[in-house]
Amino acid sequence: LKELEQAHKELHQGLSRLETLNELKASYEGYYQGVREVMLAAGGGGLSGVQGVVANLVRARSEHELAIEVALASHLQDVVTAAADDAKRAIEYLKTSGRGRATFLPLDRLLVTPLAAPLRAALGRTGVLGVASELVEFDPRIRVAVEHLLGQTIVVQDLDVGLALSRQGLRARYVSLDGQLIHPAGSMTGGRIQATGLLQGGIDFLLLE
C-alpha cells in the first residue's frame, strides 16, 4: 500500500512539473521581448513558418549543457524559420507593433562551413569530446541551423586541452565543459558561469512528454 501511495505521489509531482513547464513554455518567460512576441504570435496563428527558438529545439545532455549554452550564447534565443520570407514577415510584425527585436535563422538561407580536416582528425585525441553540433539532439529538419551555429565549435574537457590544441596550430573555437571559451584568433572568454536553464527546459520536455 505504501508503495502504491508513493507511486501516486511521484506521478502527481511529475504531472505538476509538466504542467508548470508547459505554462512557462507557452509564455516564453525569460526570453527577449521580441522573441516572446514572435513565438506568441506564431502560436496564435498570426505568423507562419516559425519553427521555434533554438533553446527549445536543441537538447543537450546534462554534462554538456553548460558548454553548449556558452557556445550558443545569445543564439540560444534565435528564432528558426522555414524560409527567409517567414523571417521577413516576423520582422515586419515586430517593427510595426514596436514589440522588440529578434534574430532569425531562415533554413533556406543559412550557410554551413565544414569542419577543416585537421580539426576533424583531432577529435579522437584525449580530452576532445567532439564537435558541438554532434553532441546535441535535434529534429533533422533544422540540421542546417544547428550546423550553422555549432558546427565550428569543439567541446573539450578543460581549458588546458583547448590551449594545447591551439598551440599545435589547430586553431578553432573551443569550449570547455565548465564554460571557458577559446576563439580561433586567440582571444579567450571565461570565469565563473552557471547554465541559464534554457536548454534544461528542452531536456525536461524530452523526458516527460
N, C-alpha and C. Protein backbone atom coordinates (compact mmCIF):
# COMPACT_ATOMS: atom_id res chain seq x y z
N LEU A 1 0.83 -1.21 0.00
CA LEU A 1 0.00 0.00 0.00
C LEU A 1 0.87 1.26 0.00
N LYS A 2 1.93 1.22 0.84
CA LYS A 2 2.82 2.38 0.89
C LYS A 2 3.49 2.61 -0.46
N GLU A 3 3.84 1.51 -1.13
CA GLU A 3 4.49 1.64 -2.45
C GLU A 3 3.54 2.25 -3.46
N LEU A 4 2.26 1.87 -3.37
CA LEU A 4 1.25 2.42 -4.27
C LEU A 4 1.06 3.91 -4.02
N GLU A 5 1.00 4.29 -2.73
CA GLU A 5 0.86 5.70 -2.38
C GLU A 5 2.06 6.51 -2.87
N GLN A 6 3.25 5.94 -2.75
CA GLN A 6 4.46 6.62 -3.20
C GLN A 6 4.44 6.80 -4.72
N ALA A 7 3.96 5.77 -5.41
CA ALA A 7 3.88 5.84 -6.87
C ALA A 7 2.91 6.94 -7.31
N HIS A 8 1.75 7.02 -6.61
CA HIS A 8 0.77 8.06 -6.92
C HIS A 8 1.36 9.45 -6.65
N LYS A 9 2.11 9.55 -5.56
CA LYS A 9 2.72 10.84 -5.20
C LYS A 9 3.72 11.27 -6.26
N GLU A 10 4.56 10.35 -6.71
CA GLU A 10 5.55 10.66 -7.74
C GLU A 10 4.89 11.02 -9.06
N LEU A 11 3.80 10.33 -9.39
CA LEU A 11 3.07 10.63 -10.61
C LEU A 11 2.48 12.03 -10.55
N HIS A 12 1.89 12.37 -9.39
CA HIS A 12 1.31 13.70 -9.22
C HIS A 12 2.38 14.79 -9.33
N GLN A 13 3.55 14.54 -8.73
CA GLN A 13 4.64 15.51 -8.81
C GLN A 13 5.11 15.68 -10.24
N GLY A 14 5.19 14.56 -10.97
CA GLY A 14 5.63 14.62 -12.36
C GLY A 14 4.65 15.39 -13.22
N LEU A 15 3.34 15.16 -13.00
CA LEU A 15 2.31 15.87 -13.76
C LEU A 15 2.32 17.36 -13.44
N SER A 16 2.51 17.69 -12.16
CA SER A 16 2.56 19.10 -11.75
C SER A 16 3.75 19.80 -12.40
N ARG A 17 4.89 19.08 -12.44
CA ARG A 17 6.09 19.65 -13.05
C ARG A 17 5.88 19.86 -14.55
N LEU A 18 5.24 18.90 -15.21
CA LEU A 18 4.97 19.02 -16.63
C LEU A 18 4.04 20.19 -16.91
N GLU A 19 3.02 20.37 -16.05
CA GLU A 19 2.08 21.48 -16.21
C GLU A 19 2.81 22.82 -16.08
N THR A 20 3.70 22.90 -15.08
CA THR A 20 4.47 24.14 -14.88
C THR A 20 5.36 24.42 -16.09
N LEU A 21 6.03 23.38 -16.59
CA LEU A 21 6.89 23.54 -17.75
C LEU A 21 6.10 23.99 -18.97
N ASN A 22 4.90 23.43 -19.14
CA ASN A 22 4.06 23.81 -20.27
C ASN A 22 3.64 25.27 -20.18
N GLU A 23 3.33 25.72 -18.94
CA GLU A 23 2.94 27.11 -18.75
C GLU A 23 4.10 28.05 -19.06
N LEU A 24 5.30 27.69 -18.60
CA LEU A 24 6.47 28.51 -18.87
C LEU A 24 6.78 28.55 -20.36
N LYS A 25 6.67 27.39 -20.98
CA LYS A 25 6.96 27.31 -22.41
C LYS A 25 5.97 28.16 -23.21
N ALA A 26 4.70 28.11 -22.80
CA ALA A 26 3.65 28.86 -23.51
C ALA A 26 3.86 30.36 -23.39
N SER A 27 4.34 30.82 -22.26
CA SER A 27 4.51 32.26 -22.05
C SER A 27 5.90 32.74 -22.43
N TYR A 28 6.84 31.79 -22.69
CA TYR A 28 8.22 32.13 -23.03
C TYR A 28 8.84 33.07 -22.01
N GLU A 29 8.60 32.75 -20.76
CA GLU A 29 9.18 33.51 -19.65
C GLU A 29 10.70 33.43 -19.72
N GLY A 30 11.37 34.57 -19.56
CA GLY A 30 12.83 34.59 -19.57
C GLY A 30 13.43 34.87 -20.94
N TYR A 31 12.60 34.99 -21.95
CA TYR A 31 13.12 35.26 -23.29
C TYR A 31 13.06 36.77 -23.59
N TYR A 32 13.85 37.19 -24.59
CA TYR A 32 13.80 38.58 -25.02
C TYR A 32 12.37 38.91 -25.46
N GLN A 33 12.02 40.18 -25.32
CA GLN A 33 10.66 40.59 -25.66
C GLN A 33 10.31 40.24 -27.10
N GLY A 34 11.20 40.56 -28.03
CA GLY A 34 10.92 40.30 -29.44
C GLY A 34 10.70 38.83 -29.72
N VAL A 35 11.52 37.98 -29.12
CA VAL A 35 11.40 36.54 -29.29
C VAL A 35 10.07 36.06 -28.73
N ARG A 36 9.74 36.52 -27.55
CA ARG A 36 8.48 36.12 -26.90
C ARG A 36 7.28 36.52 -27.75
N GLU A 37 7.31 37.75 -28.27
CA GLU A 37 6.19 38.24 -29.06
C GLU A 37 6.02 37.45 -30.36
N VAL A 38 7.13 37.12 -31.00
CA VAL A 38 7.07 36.34 -32.24
C VAL A 38 6.50 34.95 -31.97
N MET A 39 6.97 34.31 -30.90
CA MET A 39 6.51 32.96 -30.60
C MET A 39 5.04 32.94 -30.19
N LEU A 40 4.61 33.95 -29.45
CA LEU A 40 3.21 34.01 -29.07
C LEU A 40 2.33 34.27 -30.29
N ALA A 41 2.80 35.13 -31.19
CA ALA A 41 2.05 35.40 -32.42
C ALA A 41 1.97 34.15 -33.29
N ALA A 42 3.08 33.44 -33.36
CA ALA A 42 3.10 32.20 -34.15
C ALA A 42 2.18 31.16 -33.54
N GLY A 43 2.19 31.07 -32.21
CA GLY A 43 1.32 30.12 -31.53
C GLY A 43 -0.15 30.43 -31.72
N GLY A 44 -0.45 31.70 -31.92
CA GLY A 44 -1.84 32.11 -32.14
C GLY A 44 -2.24 32.10 -33.60
N GLY A 45 -1.33 31.67 -34.45
CA GLY A 45 -1.65 31.59 -35.88
C GLY A 45 -1.40 32.87 -36.66
N GLY A 46 -0.81 33.86 -36.00
CA GLY A 46 -0.58 35.13 -36.67
C GLY A 46 0.65 35.16 -37.55
N LEU A 47 1.59 34.24 -37.33
CA LEU A 47 2.81 34.16 -38.14
C LEU A 47 3.02 32.71 -38.55
N SER A 48 3.37 32.52 -39.81
CA SER A 48 3.59 31.16 -40.31
C SER A 48 5.07 30.89 -40.54
N GLY A 49 5.43 29.63 -40.60
CA GLY A 49 6.80 29.25 -40.91
C GLY A 49 7.76 29.32 -39.75
N VAL A 50 7.29 29.67 -38.57
CA VAL A 50 8.15 29.76 -37.38
C VAL A 50 8.31 28.35 -36.80
N GLN A 51 9.55 27.88 -36.75
CA GLN A 51 9.82 26.52 -36.28
C GLN A 51 10.03 26.45 -34.76
N GLY A 52 10.51 27.54 -34.19
CA GLY A 52 10.74 27.56 -32.76
C GLY A 52 12.01 28.32 -32.39
N VAL A 53 12.30 28.37 -31.11
CA VAL A 53 13.50 29.03 -30.60
C VAL A 53 14.58 27.96 -30.43
N VAL A 54 15.82 28.32 -30.73
CA VAL A 54 16.92 27.36 -30.65
C VAL A 54 16.94 26.63 -29.31
N ALA A 55 16.74 27.35 -28.22
CA ALA A 55 16.78 26.73 -26.89
C ALA A 55 15.75 25.63 -26.73
N ASN A 56 14.65 25.71 -27.47
CA ASN A 56 13.61 24.70 -27.38
C ASN A 56 13.76 23.60 -28.42
N LEU A 57 14.62 23.82 -29.39
CA LEU A 57 14.78 22.88 -30.50
C LEU A 57 16.00 22.00 -30.35
N VAL A 58 16.91 22.39 -29.46
CA VAL A 58 18.16 21.65 -29.26
C VAL A 58 18.17 21.05 -27.86
N ARG A 59 18.51 19.79 -27.77
CA ARG A 59 18.60 19.11 -26.48
C ARG A 59 20.05 18.74 -26.21
N ALA A 60 20.51 19.02 -25.01
CA ALA A 60 21.89 18.70 -24.63
C ALA A 60 21.88 17.81 -23.39
N ARG A 61 22.81 16.88 -23.34
CA ARG A 61 22.97 16.06 -22.15
C ARG A 61 23.42 16.96 -21.00
N SER A 62 23.11 16.56 -19.78
CA SER A 62 23.41 17.39 -18.62
C SER A 62 24.90 17.72 -18.53
N GLU A 63 25.77 16.77 -18.88
CA GLU A 63 27.21 17.02 -18.77
C GLU A 63 27.72 17.98 -19.84
N HIS A 64 26.95 18.17 -20.90
CA HIS A 64 27.35 19.07 -21.98
C HIS A 64 26.58 20.39 -21.96
N GLU A 65 25.60 20.49 -21.09
CA GLU A 65 24.68 21.62 -21.13
C GLU A 65 25.37 22.98 -21.04
N LEU A 66 26.25 23.15 -20.07
CA LEU A 66 26.91 24.44 -19.90
C LEU A 66 27.78 24.78 -21.11
N ALA A 67 28.52 23.81 -21.61
CA ALA A 67 29.38 24.05 -22.77
C ALA A 67 28.55 24.47 -23.98
N ILE A 68 27.44 23.80 -24.21
CA ILE A 68 26.59 24.13 -25.36
C ILE A 68 25.95 25.50 -25.19
N GLU A 69 25.53 25.82 -23.97
CA GLU A 69 24.96 27.14 -23.73
C GLU A 69 25.98 28.24 -24.00
N VAL A 70 27.20 28.03 -23.55
CA VAL A 70 28.25 29.02 -23.78
C VAL A 70 28.56 29.13 -25.27
N ALA A 71 28.59 28.00 -25.96
CA ALA A 71 28.86 28.01 -27.39
C ALA A 71 27.78 28.76 -28.16
N LEU A 72 26.54 28.60 -27.74
CA LEU A 72 25.43 29.27 -28.42
C LEU A 72 25.30 30.73 -28.00
N ALA A 73 25.59 31.01 -26.73
CA ALA A 73 25.49 32.37 -26.20
C ALA A 73 24.10 32.96 -26.52
N SER A 74 24.06 34.16 -27.08
CA SER A 74 22.78 34.80 -27.36
C SER A 74 21.98 34.08 -28.43
N HIS A 75 22.64 33.22 -29.19
CA HIS A 75 21.94 32.47 -30.25
C HIS A 75 20.95 31.46 -29.68
N LEU A 76 21.02 31.22 -28.37
CA LEU A 76 20.02 30.37 -27.72
C LEU A 76 18.61 30.87 -28.03
N GLN A 77 18.49 32.19 -28.19
CA GLN A 77 17.18 32.78 -28.41
C GLN A 77 16.92 33.15 -29.86
N ASP A 78 17.74 32.64 -30.77
CA ASP A 78 17.46 32.85 -32.19
C ASP A 78 16.19 32.10 -32.56
N VAL A 79 15.43 32.66 -33.46
CA VAL A 79 14.18 32.04 -33.92
C VAL A 79 14.42 31.38 -35.27
N VAL A 80 14.14 30.09 -35.35
CA VAL A 80 14.31 29.35 -36.59
C VAL A 80 13.03 29.46 -37.43
N THR A 81 13.20 29.81 -38.70
CA THR A 81 12.05 29.88 -39.60
C THR A 81 12.31 28.98 -40.81
N ALA A 82 11.25 28.56 -41.45
CA ALA A 82 11.39 27.68 -42.61
C ALA A 82 12.06 28.39 -43.78
N ALA A 83 11.75 29.67 -43.95
CA ALA A 83 12.28 30.41 -45.09
C ALA A 83 12.52 31.87 -44.73
N ALA A 84 13.28 32.54 -45.58
CA ALA A 84 13.61 33.95 -45.35
C ALA A 84 12.35 34.81 -45.37
N ASP A 85 11.37 34.46 -46.20
CA ASP A 85 10.13 35.24 -46.26
C ASP A 85 9.38 35.17 -44.94
N ASP A 86 9.46 34.02 -44.27
CA ASP A 86 8.83 33.89 -42.95
C ASP A 86 9.50 34.82 -41.94
N ALA A 87 10.83 34.86 -41.99
CA ALA A 87 11.59 35.74 -41.11
C ALA A 87 11.25 37.20 -41.40
N LYS A 88 11.12 37.52 -42.69
CA LYS A 88 10.80 38.90 -43.09
C LYS A 88 9.45 39.33 -42.53
N ARG A 89 8.47 38.44 -42.61
CA ARG A 89 7.14 38.77 -42.07
C ARG A 89 7.20 38.98 -40.55
N ALA A 90 7.98 38.15 -39.88
CA ALA A 90 8.11 38.29 -38.43
C ALA A 90 8.80 39.60 -38.06
N ILE A 91 9.80 39.97 -38.83
CA ILE A 91 10.50 41.24 -38.59
C ILE A 91 9.56 42.41 -38.80
N GLU A 92 8.76 42.36 -39.84
CA GLU A 92 7.78 43.42 -40.11
C GLU A 92 6.77 43.51 -38.97
N TYR A 93 6.39 42.36 -38.44
CA TYR A 93 5.44 42.33 -37.31
C TYR A 93 6.04 43.05 -36.11
N LEU A 94 7.29 42.75 -35.79
CA LEU A 94 7.95 43.40 -34.65
C LEU A 94 8.14 44.89 -34.91
N LYS A 95 8.46 45.22 -36.13
CA LYS A 95 8.72 46.62 -36.48
C LYS A 95 7.45 47.47 -36.36
N THR A 96 6.35 46.98 -36.92
CA THR A 96 5.11 47.75 -36.92
C THR A 96 4.43 47.78 -35.55
N SER A 97 4.62 46.71 -34.78
CA SER A 97 3.98 46.66 -33.46
C SER A 97 4.84 47.27 -32.36
N GLY A 98 6.13 47.52 -32.68
CA GLY A 98 7.03 48.09 -31.69
C GLY A 98 7.28 47.18 -30.51
N ARG A 99 7.37 45.87 -30.78
CA ARG A 99 7.49 44.90 -29.69
C ARG A 99 8.85 44.22 -29.63
N GLY A 100 9.89 44.98 -29.86
CA GLY A 100 11.23 44.44 -29.69
C GLY A 100 11.85 43.92 -30.98
N ARG A 101 12.98 43.23 -30.82
CA ARG A 101 13.74 42.70 -31.94
C ARG A 101 14.08 41.23 -31.69
N ALA A 102 14.45 40.56 -32.76
CA ALA A 102 14.84 39.16 -32.64
C ALA A 102 15.77 38.82 -33.79
N THR A 103 16.56 37.77 -33.61
CA THR A 103 17.43 37.27 -34.67
C THR A 103 16.81 35.99 -35.22
N PHE A 104 16.77 35.89 -36.55
CA PHE A 104 16.11 34.77 -37.20
C PHE A 104 17.10 33.92 -37.99
N LEU A 105 16.82 32.63 -38.04
CA LEU A 105 17.64 31.68 -38.79
C LEU A 105 16.76 31.03 -39.86
N PRO A 106 16.69 31.63 -41.04
CA PRO A 106 15.89 31.04 -42.12
C PRO A 106 16.61 29.83 -42.71
N LEU A 107 15.99 28.68 -42.67
CA LEU A 107 16.64 27.43 -43.07
C LEU A 107 17.04 27.41 -44.54
N ASP A 108 16.38 28.22 -45.36
CA ASP A 108 16.70 28.21 -46.80
C ASP A 108 17.83 29.18 -47.16
N ARG A 109 18.39 29.89 -46.17
CA ARG A 109 19.42 30.89 -46.47
C ARG A 109 20.71 30.70 -45.69
N LEU A 110 20.74 29.80 -44.75
CA LEU A 110 21.92 29.65 -43.88
C LEU A 110 23.07 28.96 -44.60
N LEU A 111 24.28 29.41 -44.31
CA LEU A 111 25.48 28.79 -44.86
C LEU A 111 26.16 27.95 -43.79
N VAL A 112 26.70 26.82 -44.21
CA VAL A 112 27.41 25.93 -43.29
C VAL A 112 28.81 25.67 -43.83
N THR A 113 29.82 25.88 -43.00
CA THR A 113 31.20 25.62 -43.38
C THR A 113 31.66 24.30 -42.76
N PRO A 114 32.07 23.34 -43.55
CA PRO A 114 32.52 22.05 -42.99
C PRO A 114 33.74 22.24 -42.10
N LEU A 115 33.85 21.43 -41.07
CA LEU A 115 35.00 21.48 -40.18
C LEU A 115 36.24 21.06 -40.96
N ALA A 116 37.32 21.83 -40.81
CA ALA A 116 38.57 21.54 -41.53
C ALA A 116 39.08 20.14 -41.19
N ALA A 117 39.69 19.48 -42.16
CA ALA A 117 40.17 18.10 -42.00
C ALA A 117 41.12 17.92 -40.81
N PRO A 118 42.08 18.83 -40.59
CA PRO A 118 42.98 18.66 -39.44
C PRO A 118 42.24 18.70 -38.10
N LEU A 119 41.19 19.52 -38.02
CA LEU A 119 40.41 19.59 -36.79
C LEU A 119 39.55 18.34 -36.63
N ARG A 120 39.03 17.85 -37.73
CA ARG A 120 38.25 16.62 -37.69
C ARG A 120 39.13 15.46 -37.21
N ALA A 121 40.38 15.46 -37.65
CA ALA A 121 41.31 14.39 -37.26
C ALA A 121 41.67 14.46 -35.78
N ALA A 122 41.56 15.65 -35.20
CA ALA A 122 41.93 15.83 -33.79
C ALA A 122 40.83 15.39 -32.83
N LEU A 123 39.67 15.04 -33.36
CA LEU A 123 38.54 14.73 -32.49
C LEU A 123 38.76 13.47 -31.65
N GLY A 124 39.67 12.62 -32.09
CA GLY A 124 39.91 11.40 -31.33
C GLY A 124 40.92 11.53 -30.22
N ARG A 125 41.48 12.72 -30.04
CA ARG A 125 42.51 12.91 -29.02
C ARG A 125 41.92 12.93 -27.61
N THR A 126 42.76 12.64 -26.66
CA THR A 126 42.35 12.64 -25.26
C THR A 126 41.86 14.03 -24.84
N GLY A 127 40.71 14.08 -24.23
CA GLY A 127 40.17 15.35 -23.76
C GLY A 127 39.33 16.09 -24.77
N VAL A 128 39.29 15.60 -26.01
CA VAL A 128 38.46 16.22 -27.05
C VAL A 128 37.16 15.43 -27.13
N LEU A 129 36.06 16.06 -26.78
CA LEU A 129 34.78 15.35 -26.67
C LEU A 129 33.99 15.31 -27.96
N GLY A 130 34.24 16.26 -28.85
CA GLY A 130 33.55 16.23 -30.13
C GLY A 130 33.12 17.60 -30.61
N VAL A 131 32.56 17.64 -31.81
CA VAL A 131 32.02 18.88 -32.36
C VAL A 131 30.69 19.16 -31.65
N ALA A 132 30.46 20.38 -31.27
CA ALA A 132 29.27 20.73 -30.50
C ALA A 132 27.99 20.32 -31.22
N SER A 133 27.95 20.47 -32.54
CA SER A 133 26.75 20.13 -33.30
C SER A 133 26.45 18.64 -33.26
N GLU A 134 27.47 17.83 -32.96
CA GLU A 134 27.29 16.38 -32.92
C GLU A 134 27.06 15.85 -31.51
N LEU A 135 27.02 16.76 -30.54
CA LEU A 135 26.80 16.38 -29.15
C LEU A 135 25.42 16.78 -28.66
N VAL A 136 24.57 17.22 -29.58
CA VAL A 136 23.21 17.63 -29.22
C VAL A 136 22.21 16.84 -30.04
N GLU A 137 20.98 16.82 -29.56
CA GLU A 137 19.88 16.17 -30.28
C GLU A 137 18.96 17.24 -30.84
N PHE A 138 18.41 16.97 -32.04
CA PHE A 138 17.53 17.95 -32.68
C PHE A 138 16.77 17.26 -33.80
N ASP A 139 15.72 17.92 -34.25
CA ASP A 139 14.95 17.42 -35.39
C ASP A 139 15.81 17.58 -36.64
N PRO A 140 15.96 16.54 -37.45
CA PRO A 140 16.79 16.62 -38.65
C PRO A 140 16.42 17.77 -39.58
N ARG A 141 15.20 18.23 -39.51
CA ARG A 141 14.76 19.32 -40.39
C ARG A 141 15.47 20.64 -40.09
N ILE A 142 16.04 20.78 -38.89
CA ILE A 142 16.75 22.03 -38.57
C ILE A 142 18.26 21.81 -38.53
N ARG A 143 18.72 20.74 -39.16
CA ARG A 143 20.15 20.41 -39.12
C ARG A 143 21.02 21.58 -39.60
N VAL A 144 20.61 22.24 -40.66
CA VAL A 144 21.43 23.33 -41.20
C VAL A 144 21.60 24.44 -40.16
N ALA A 145 20.58 24.70 -39.35
CA ALA A 145 20.68 25.74 -38.33
C ALA A 145 21.64 25.32 -37.22
N VAL A 146 21.58 24.06 -36.83
CA VAL A 146 22.48 23.56 -35.78
C VAL A 146 23.92 23.56 -36.26
N GLU A 147 24.14 23.13 -37.51
CA GLU A 147 25.49 23.14 -38.07
C GLU A 147 25.99 24.57 -38.22
N HIS A 148 25.12 25.47 -38.58
CA HIS A 148 25.47 26.88 -38.74
C HIS A 148 25.95 27.46 -37.41
N LEU A 149 25.29 27.09 -36.33
CA LEU A 149 25.61 27.65 -35.01
C LEU A 149 26.73 26.92 -34.29
N LEU A 150 26.78 25.59 -34.43
CA LEU A 150 27.68 24.79 -33.60
C LEU A 150 28.69 23.95 -34.37
N GLY A 151 28.63 23.97 -35.68
CA GLY A 151 29.48 23.10 -36.48
C GLY A 151 30.95 23.45 -36.48
N GLN A 152 31.31 24.63 -35.98
CA GLN A 152 32.71 25.05 -35.94
C GLN A 152 33.23 25.15 -34.50
N THR A 153 32.47 24.62 -33.56
CA THR A 153 32.87 24.66 -32.15
C THR A 153 33.19 23.26 -31.65
N ILE A 154 34.34 23.11 -31.00
CA ILE A 154 34.77 21.82 -30.48
C ILE A 154 34.71 21.85 -28.96
N VAL A 155 34.04 20.86 -28.39
CA VAL A 155 33.92 20.76 -26.94
C VAL A 155 35.10 19.95 -26.40
N VAL A 156 35.78 20.53 -25.40
CA VAL A 156 36.94 19.87 -24.80
C VAL A 156 36.72 19.70 -23.30
N GLN A 157 37.51 18.82 -22.72
CA GLN A 157 37.37 18.53 -21.30
C GLN A 157 37.62 19.76 -20.44
N ASP A 158 38.70 20.49 -20.74
CA ASP A 158 39.03 21.67 -19.96
C ASP A 158 39.84 22.65 -20.81
N LEU A 159 40.14 23.79 -20.23
CA LEU A 159 40.85 24.86 -20.94
C LEU A 159 42.22 24.42 -21.42
N ASP A 160 42.90 23.61 -20.63
CA ASP A 160 44.25 23.16 -21.00
C ASP A 160 44.25 22.38 -22.30
N VAL A 161 43.24 21.57 -22.51
CA VAL A 161 43.16 20.78 -23.75
C VAL A 161 43.02 21.71 -24.95
N GLY A 162 42.13 22.70 -24.84
CA GLY A 162 41.94 23.65 -25.93
C GLY A 162 43.19 24.46 -26.22
N LEU A 163 43.88 24.89 -25.18
CA LEU A 163 45.11 25.67 -25.35
C LEU A 163 46.20 24.83 -26.01
N ALA A 164 46.31 23.57 -25.60
CA ALA A 164 47.32 22.69 -26.19
C ALA A 164 47.08 22.50 -27.68
N LEU A 165 45.84 22.33 -28.07
CA LEU A 165 45.50 22.17 -29.48
C LEU A 165 45.80 23.44 -30.26
N SER A 166 45.46 24.58 -29.67
CA SER A 166 45.71 25.87 -30.33
C SER A 166 47.20 26.09 -30.55
N ARG A 167 48.01 25.72 -29.56
CA ARG A 167 49.45 25.89 -29.66
C ARG A 167 50.07 24.98 -30.71
N GLN A 168 49.36 23.92 -31.05
CA GLN A 168 49.85 23.00 -32.08
C GLN A 168 49.39 23.44 -33.48
N GLY A 169 48.81 24.60 -33.55
CA GLY A 169 48.38 25.13 -34.83
C GLY A 169 46.96 24.77 -35.20
N LEU A 170 46.29 24.05 -34.32
CA LEU A 170 44.90 23.65 -34.59
C LEU A 170 43.96 24.72 -34.03
N ARG A 171 43.96 25.85 -34.70
CA ARG A 171 43.14 26.98 -34.25
C ARG A 171 41.67 26.72 -34.57
N ALA A 172 40.85 26.86 -33.54
CA ALA A 172 39.41 26.65 -33.69
C ALA A 172 38.71 27.32 -32.53
N ARG A 173 37.43 27.20 -32.51
CA ARG A 173 36.62 27.70 -31.40
C ARG A 173 36.43 26.53 -30.43
N TYR A 174 37.05 26.63 -29.26
CA TYR A 174 36.98 25.56 -28.28
C TYR A 174 36.17 26.03 -27.08
N VAL A 175 35.33 25.14 -26.56
CA VAL A 175 34.60 25.44 -25.33
C VAL A 175 34.76 24.26 -24.38
N SER A 176 35.08 24.56 -23.14
CA SER A 176 35.30 23.51 -22.14
C SER A 176 34.00 23.18 -21.43
N LEU A 177 34.00 22.04 -20.75
CA LEU A 177 32.79 21.61 -20.04
C LEU A 177 32.36 22.60 -18.97
N ASP A 178 33.32 23.36 -18.41
CA ASP A 178 32.96 24.35 -17.38
C ASP A 178 32.73 25.74 -17.96
N GLY A 179 32.59 25.82 -19.30
CA GLY A 179 32.15 27.06 -19.92
C GLY A 179 33.21 28.08 -20.28
N GLN A 180 34.48 27.66 -20.39
CA GLN A 180 35.54 28.58 -20.82
C GLN A 180 35.67 28.49 -22.35
N LEU A 181 35.93 29.61 -22.97
CA LEU A 181 35.89 29.68 -24.42
C LEU A 181 37.19 30.21 -25.01
N ILE A 182 37.69 29.52 -26.04
CA ILE A 182 38.87 29.97 -26.78
C ILE A 182 38.44 30.25 -28.21
N HIS A 183 38.74 31.46 -28.69
CA HIS A 183 38.35 31.85 -30.04
C HIS A 183 39.48 31.55 -31.03
N PRO A 184 39.15 31.31 -32.29
CA PRO A 184 40.18 30.97 -33.29
C PRO A 184 41.32 31.98 -33.39
N ALA A 185 41.00 33.26 -33.22
CA ALA A 185 42.02 34.30 -33.34
C ALA A 185 42.90 34.42 -32.10
N GLY A 186 42.57 33.67 -31.04
CA GLY A 186 43.42 33.67 -29.86
C GLY A 186 42.82 34.27 -28.61
N SER A 187 41.76 35.04 -28.74
CA SER A 187 41.15 35.64 -27.55
C SER A 187 40.44 34.56 -26.74
N MET A 188 40.28 34.84 -25.46
CA MET A 188 39.66 33.87 -24.55
C MET A 188 38.59 34.55 -23.70
N THR A 189 37.53 33.83 -23.44
CA THR A 189 36.45 34.32 -22.58
C THR A 189 36.22 33.29 -21.49
N GLY A 190 36.19 33.75 -20.24
CA GLY A 190 35.98 32.78 -19.18
C GLY A 190 35.74 33.38 -17.82
N GLY A 191 35.66 32.51 -16.86
CA GLY A 191 35.36 32.91 -15.49
C GLY A 191 34.27 32.00 -14.95
N ARG A 192 33.66 32.43 -13.89
CA ARG A 192 32.59 31.63 -13.29
C ARG A 192 31.29 31.86 -14.03
N ILE A 193 30.60 30.78 -14.34
CA ILE A 193 29.33 30.89 -15.06
C ILE A 193 28.45 29.70 -14.70
N GLN A 194 27.15 29.92 -14.72
CA GLN A 194 26.19 28.85 -14.48
C GLN A 194 25.26 28.75 -15.67
N ALA A 195 24.76 27.57 -15.92
CA ALA A 195 23.81 27.37 -17.00
C ALA A 195 22.54 28.17 -16.73
N THR A 196 21.96 28.73 -17.78
CA THR A 196 20.74 29.53 -17.63
C THR A 196 19.52 28.67 -17.40
N GLY A 197 19.59 27.42 -17.82
CA GLY A 197 18.45 26.53 -17.67
C GLY A 197 17.57 26.48 -18.91
N LEU A 198 17.86 27.30 -19.92
CA LEU A 198 17.04 27.31 -21.13
C LEU A 198 17.10 25.96 -21.85
N LEU A 199 18.27 25.37 -21.92
CA LEU A 199 18.39 24.07 -22.56
C LEU A 199 17.82 22.97 -21.68
N GLN A 200 17.85 23.18 -20.37
CA GLN A 200 17.31 22.19 -19.44
C GLN A 200 15.82 22.01 -19.66
N GLY A 201 15.14 23.11 -20.04
CA GLY A 201 13.71 23.00 -20.34
C GLY A 201 13.47 22.03 -21.47
N GLY A 202 14.33 22.09 -22.49
CA GLY A 202 14.19 21.16 -23.59
C GLY A 202 14.37 19.74 -23.14
N ILE A 203 15.33 19.50 -22.26
CA ILE A 203 15.58 18.16 -21.75
C ILE A 203 14.36 17.68 -20.97
N ASP A 204 13.78 18.55 -20.16
CA ASP A 204 12.61 18.16 -19.38
C ASP A 204 11.47 17.70 -20.28
N PHE A 205 11.22 18.43 -21.35
CA PHE A 205 10.14 18.06 -22.24
C PHE A 205 10.43 16.75 -22.95
N LEU A 206 11.70 16.55 -23.29
CA LEU A 206 12.11 15.32 -23.95
C LEU A 206 11.85 14.13 -23.03
N LEU A 207 12.08 14.33 -21.75
CA LEU A 207 11.93 13.22 -20.79
C LEU A 207 10.49 13.01 -20.37
N LEU A 208 9.72 14.07 -20.29
CA LEU A 208 8.39 13.95 -19.69
C LEU A 208 7.26 13.79 -20.69
N GLU A 209 7.49 14.16 -21.95
CA GLU A 209 6.40 14.07 -22.90
C GLU A 209 6.57 12.87 -23.81
